[in-house]
Amino acid sequence: MQQDKHPSYRPVVFRDRSAGYAFLTRSTASSEQTIDWDDGNSYPVIDVEISAESHPFFTGKARVVDTEGQVAKFERRYGDEGGRTDDGKDEGGKGAS
């Protein structure tokens, strides 16, 4: 590995402000702010808006889409036939392709 080409890879704390959750990992990200961790050491802290603790997909609080309502809405809009007549031609007069 060549010297002075790669950023320093060190322990960093990522803190999710909305969930009050923080975890220690290694990263090349830097920060002026520091936090005292459980092991007694001080580490740079990076504040993030969303993490696995607060993201709806991972917490199980994701919005459920009403698929039955979507199908009914499609059928109301386009009908059961999809715009074709009984003879297989479009309503515009052209044959089925």
N, C-alpha and C. Protein backbone atom coordinates (compact mmCIF):
# COMPACT_ATOMS: atom_id res chain seq x y z
N MET A 1 0.85 -1.18 0.00
CA MET A 1 0.00 0.00 0.00
C MET A 1 0.90 1.24 0.00
N GLN A 2 0.65 2.16 -0.89
CA GLN A 2 1.46 3.36 -0.98
C GLN A 2 1.10 4.32 0.17
N GLN A 3 2.10 4.97 0.67
CA GLN A 3 1.91 5.91 1.78
C GLN A 3 1.30 7.22 1.28
N ASP A 4 0.53 7.88 2.12
CA ASP A 4 -0.05 9.21 1.88
C ASP A 4 -1.07 9.24 0.74
N LYS A 5 -1.57 8.10 0.29
CA LYS A 5 -2.59 8.09 -0.74
C LYS A 5 -3.96 7.73 -0.19
N HIS A 6 -3.97 7.02 0.92
CA HIS A 6 -5.21 6.52 1.47
C HIS A 6 -5.59 7.29 2.72
N PRO A 7 -6.88 7.56 2.91
CA PRO A 7 -7.30 8.26 4.13
C PRO A 7 -7.13 7.35 5.35
N SER A 8 -7.03 7.96 6.51
CA SER A 8 -6.86 7.17 7.72
C SER A 8 -8.16 6.45 8.08
N TYR A 9 -8.03 5.23 8.48
CA TYR A 9 -9.17 4.36 8.81
C TYR A 9 -9.13 4.14 10.31
N ARG A 10 -10.09 4.71 11.03
CA ARG A 10 -10.04 4.72 12.49
C ARG A 10 -11.42 4.49 13.09
N PRO A 11 -11.49 4.21 14.39
CA PRO A 11 -12.79 4.04 15.04
C PRO A 11 -13.58 5.36 15.05
N VAL A 12 -14.88 5.27 14.72
CA VAL A 12 -15.77 6.42 14.68
C VAL A 12 -17.12 5.98 15.25
N VAL A 13 -17.80 6.89 15.94
CA VAL A 13 -19.14 6.61 16.44
C VAL A 13 -20.15 7.28 15.52
N PHE A 14 -21.12 6.51 15.04
CA PHE A 14 -22.23 7.06 14.27
C PHE A 14 -23.44 7.13 15.20
N ARG A 15 -24.07 8.31 15.26
CA ARG A 15 -25.17 8.53 16.19
C ARG A 15 -26.42 8.93 15.41
N ASP A 16 -27.50 8.16 15.62
CA ASP A 16 -28.81 8.45 15.02
C ASP A 16 -29.54 9.37 15.99
N ARG A 17 -29.70 10.62 15.61
CA ARG A 17 -30.30 11.61 16.50
C ARG A 17 -31.79 11.35 16.73
N SER A 18 -32.51 10.83 15.74
CA SER A 18 -33.95 10.65 15.89
C SER A 18 -34.28 9.46 16.78
N ALA A 19 -33.41 8.44 16.83
CA ALA A 19 -33.70 7.26 17.63
C ALA A 19 -32.91 7.22 18.93
N GLY A 20 -31.93 8.11 19.06
CA GLY A 20 -31.10 8.09 20.25
C GLY A 20 -30.18 6.88 20.30
N TYR A 21 -29.77 6.40 19.15
CA TYR A 21 -28.96 5.19 19.04
C TYR A 21 -27.59 5.55 18.49
N ALA A 22 -26.55 4.94 19.04
CA ALA A 22 -25.19 5.18 18.57
C ALA A 22 -24.46 3.85 18.50
N PHE A 23 -23.55 3.73 17.52
CA PHE A 23 -22.75 2.52 17.41
C PHE A 23 -21.33 2.87 16.99
N LEU A 24 -20.40 2.08 17.47
CA LEU A 24 -18.98 2.27 17.20
C LEU A 24 -18.56 1.36 16.07
N THR A 25 -17.91 1.93 15.07
CA THR A 25 -17.41 1.16 13.94
C THR A 25 -16.14 1.82 13.44
N ARG A 26 -15.59 1.32 12.36
CA ARG A 26 -14.39 1.94 11.77
C ARG A 26 -14.79 2.62 10.47
N SER A 27 -14.21 3.79 10.22
CA SER A 27 -14.57 4.54 9.03
C SER A 27 -13.46 5.52 8.68
N THR A 28 -13.53 6.05 7.46
CA THR A 28 -12.61 7.11 7.04
C THR A 28 -13.23 8.49 7.24
N ALA A 29 -14.51 8.54 7.67
CA ALA A 29 -15.18 9.82 7.91
C ALA A 29 -14.53 10.54 9.08
N SER A 30 -14.51 11.86 9.00
CA SER A 30 -13.90 12.64 10.08
C SER A 30 -14.91 13.64 10.64
N SER A 31 -14.67 14.04 11.87
CA SER A 31 -15.55 14.98 12.52
C SER A 31 -14.77 15.73 13.60
N GLU A 32 -15.19 16.96 13.83
CA GLU A 32 -14.57 17.76 14.89
C GLU A 32 -15.17 17.42 16.25
N GLN A 33 -16.42 16.93 16.26
CA GLN A 33 -17.09 16.58 17.51
C GLN A 33 -16.58 15.23 18.01
N THR A 34 -16.52 15.08 19.32
CA THR A 34 -16.12 13.80 19.91
C THR A 34 -17.14 13.39 20.96
N ILE A 35 -17.11 12.10 21.30
CA ILE A 35 -18.01 11.56 22.30
C ILE A 35 -17.22 10.58 23.16
N ASP A 36 -17.51 10.57 24.46
CA ASP A 36 -16.90 9.59 25.36
C ASP A 36 -17.71 8.31 25.29
N TRP A 37 -17.04 7.21 24.91
CA TRP A 37 -17.72 5.94 24.72
C TRP A 37 -17.67 5.10 25.98
N ASP A 38 -18.38 3.99 25.99
CA ASP A 38 -18.48 3.13 27.17
C ASP A 38 -17.14 2.57 27.63
N ASP A 39 -16.19 2.42 26.71
CA ASP A 39 -14.89 1.85 27.07
C ASP A 39 -13.94 2.88 27.67
N GLY A 40 -14.40 4.13 27.82
CA GLY A 40 -13.59 5.17 28.43
C GLY A 40 -12.79 5.99 27.44
N ASN A 41 -12.79 5.63 26.18
CA ASN A 41 -12.07 6.38 25.15
C ASN A 41 -12.97 7.43 24.52
N SER A 42 -12.36 8.41 23.90
CA SER A 42 -13.08 9.47 23.19
C SER A 42 -12.92 9.24 21.69
N TYR A 43 -14.05 9.24 20.97
CA TYR A 43 -14.04 8.98 19.54
C TYR A 43 -14.74 10.11 18.79
N PRO A 44 -14.37 10.34 17.52
CA PRO A 44 -15.13 11.30 16.70
C PRO A 44 -16.55 10.78 16.50
N VAL A 45 -17.54 11.68 16.47
CA VAL A 45 -18.93 11.27 16.31
C VAL A 45 -19.50 11.90 15.05
N ILE A 46 -20.21 11.08 14.26
CA ILE A 46 -20.88 11.53 13.05
C ILE A 46 -22.38 11.40 13.30
N ASP A 47 -23.12 12.50 13.20
CA ASP A 47 -24.57 12.48 13.39
C ASP A 47 -25.24 12.16 12.06
N VAL A 48 -26.14 11.16 12.09
CA VAL A 48 -26.88 10.77 10.90
C VAL A 48 -28.37 10.97 11.16
N GLU A 49 -29.13 11.19 10.09
CA GLU A 49 -30.57 11.42 10.23
C GLU A 49 -31.36 10.14 10.34
N ILE A 50 -30.86 9.06 9.75
CA ILE A 50 -31.62 7.82 9.74
C ILE A 50 -30.64 6.64 9.77
N SER A 51 -31.02 5.61 10.50
CA SER A 51 -30.22 4.39 10.57
C SER A 51 -31.17 3.20 10.64
N ALA A 52 -30.64 2.02 10.85
CA ALA A 52 -31.48 0.83 10.94
C ALA A 52 -32.43 0.91 12.13
N GLU A 53 -32.09 1.69 13.15
CA GLU A 53 -32.95 1.82 14.33
C GLU A 53 -34.17 2.70 14.07
N SER A 54 -34.09 3.61 13.10
CA SER A 54 -35.21 4.53 12.88
C SER A 54 -35.85 4.40 11.50
N HIS A 55 -35.27 3.62 10.59
CA HIS A 55 -35.82 3.48 9.25
C HIS A 55 -37.06 2.59 9.29
N PRO A 56 -38.16 3.02 8.66
CA PRO A 56 -39.41 2.25 8.73
C PRO A 56 -39.30 0.82 8.21
N PHE A 57 -38.46 0.58 7.24
CA PHE A 57 -38.33 -0.78 6.69
C PHE A 57 -37.76 -1.73 7.74
N PHE A 58 -36.77 -1.28 8.47
CA PHE A 58 -36.10 -2.14 9.45
C PHE A 58 -36.85 -2.21 10.77
N THR A 59 -37.63 -1.21 11.10
CA THR A 59 -38.36 -1.22 12.38
C THR A 59 -39.70 -1.91 12.28
N GLY A 60 -40.16 -2.22 11.06
CA GLY A 60 -41.44 -2.89 10.88
C GLY A 60 -42.61 -1.93 10.87
N LYS A 61 -42.35 -0.65 10.80
CA LYS A 61 -43.41 0.36 10.79
C LYS A 61 -43.61 0.93 9.39
N ALA A 62 -43.26 0.14 8.38
CA ALA A 62 -43.41 0.58 7.00
C ALA A 62 -44.89 0.68 6.65
N ARG A 63 -45.21 1.59 5.77
CA ARG A 63 -46.59 1.79 5.32
C ARG A 63 -47.00 0.63 4.43
N VAL A 64 -48.11 0.05 4.71
CA VAL A 64 -48.62 -1.06 3.91
C VAL A 64 -49.49 -0.50 2.79
N VAL A 65 -49.20 -0.91 1.57
CA VAL A 65 -49.95 -0.44 0.42
C VAL A 65 -51.20 -1.30 0.25
N ASP A 66 -52.33 -0.66 0.06
CA ASP A 66 -53.59 -1.37 -0.13
C ASP A 66 -53.66 -1.84 -1.57
N THR A 67 -53.20 -3.07 -1.83
CA THR A 67 -53.15 -3.56 -3.21
C THR A 67 -54.54 -3.82 -3.76
N GLU A 68 -55.47 -4.24 -2.92
CA GLU A 68 -56.83 -4.48 -3.40
C GLU A 68 -57.45 -3.17 -3.88
N GLY A 69 -57.21 -2.10 -3.19
CA GLY A 69 -57.71 -0.80 -3.61
C GLY A 69 -57.06 -0.34 -4.90
N GLN A 70 -55.79 -0.68 -5.10
CA GLN A 70 -55.10 -0.30 -6.32
C GLN A 70 -55.67 -1.05 -7.52
N VAL A 71 -56.01 -2.33 -7.35
CA VAL A 71 -56.59 -3.11 -8.44
C VAL A 71 -57.96 -2.55 -8.81
N ALA A 72 -58.77 -2.25 -7.80
CA ALA A 72 -60.11 -1.70 -8.06
C ALA A 72 -60.00 -0.35 -8.77
N LYS A 73 -59.03 0.44 -8.37
CA LYS A 73 -58.83 1.74 -9.01
C LYS A 73 -58.44 1.56 -10.48
N PHE A 74 -57.59 0.57 -10.77
CA PHE A 74 -57.18 0.29 -12.14
C PHE A 74 -58.38 -0.16 -12.98
N GLU A 75 -59.20 -1.04 -12.41
CA GLU A 75 -60.36 -1.54 -13.15
C GLU A 75 -61.39 -0.43 -13.39
N ARG A 76 -61.55 0.46 -12.43
CA ARG A 76 -62.47 1.59 -12.64
C ARG A 76 -61.95 2.50 -13.75
N ARG A 77 -60.67 2.69 -13.77
CA ARG A 77 -60.09 3.60 -14.74
C ARG A 77 -60.09 3.00 -16.14
N TYR A 78 -59.68 1.74 -16.29
CA TYR A 78 -59.51 1.15 -17.61
C TYR A 78 -60.55 0.10 -17.96
N GLY A 79 -61.36 -0.30 -17.02
CA GLY A 79 -62.38 -1.29 -17.30
C GLY A 79 -61.80 -2.69 -17.36
N ASP A 80 -62.69 -3.67 -17.47
CA ASP A 80 -62.25 -5.06 -17.50
C ASP A 80 -61.63 -5.45 -18.83
N GLU A 81 -62.02 -4.79 -19.92
CA GLU A 81 -61.58 -5.19 -21.25
C GLU A 81 -60.27 -4.55 -21.67
N GLY A 82 -59.83 -3.54 -20.99
CA GLY A 82 -58.56 -2.91 -21.34
C GLY A 82 -58.60 -2.11 -22.63
N GLY A 83 -59.77 -1.65 -23.08
CA GLY A 83 -59.85 -0.79 -24.26
C GLY A 83 -60.01 -1.52 -25.57
N ARG A 84 -60.27 -2.82 -25.57
CA ARG A 84 -60.44 -3.59 -26.81
C ARG A 84 -61.92 -3.96 -26.98
N THR A 85 -62.32 -4.11 -28.22
CA THR A 85 -63.68 -4.53 -28.53
C THR A 85 -63.72 -6.05 -28.65
N ASP A 86 -64.90 -6.63 -28.87
CA ASP A 86 -65.05 -8.08 -28.95
C ASP A 86 -64.33 -8.69 -30.15
N ASP A 87 -64.15 -7.93 -31.24
CA ASP A 87 -63.52 -8.48 -32.43
C ASP A 87 -61.99 -8.42 -32.38
N GLY A 88 -61.41 -8.00 -31.25
CA GLY A 88 -59.96 -7.99 -31.10
C GLY A 88 -59.31 -6.74 -31.63
N LYS A 89 -60.09 -5.77 -32.07
CA LYS A 89 -59.52 -4.53 -32.58
C LYS A 89 -59.58 -3.46 -31.49
N ASP A 90 -58.60 -2.58 -31.55
CA ASP A 90 -58.63 -1.43 -30.64
C ASP A 90 -59.81 -0.55 -31.00
N GLU A 91 -60.18 0.29 -30.09
CA GLU A 91 -61.29 1.20 -30.37
C GLU A 91 -60.94 2.19 -31.46
N GLY A 92 -59.66 2.34 -31.75
CA GLY A 92 -59.22 3.26 -32.79
C GLY A 92 -59.40 2.69 -34.18
N GLY A 93 -59.72 1.38 -34.33
CA GLY A 93 -59.96 0.80 -35.62
C GLY A 93 -58.83 -0.05 -36.15
N LYS A 94 -57.68 -0.07 -35.50
CA LYS A 94 -56.55 -0.88 -35.97
C LYS A 94 -56.68 -2.28 -35.39
N GLY A 95 -56.09 -3.21 -36.06
CA GLY A 95 -56.12 -4.61 -35.62
C GLY A 95 -55.20 -4.83 -34.44
N ALA A 96 -55.35 -5.94 -33.77
CA ALA A 96 -54.50 -6.28 -32.64
C ALA A 96 -53.10 -6.61 -33.13
N SER A 97 -52.09 -6.13 -32.47
CA SER A 97 -50.73 -6.39 -32.89
C SER A 97 -50.10 -7.44 -32.02
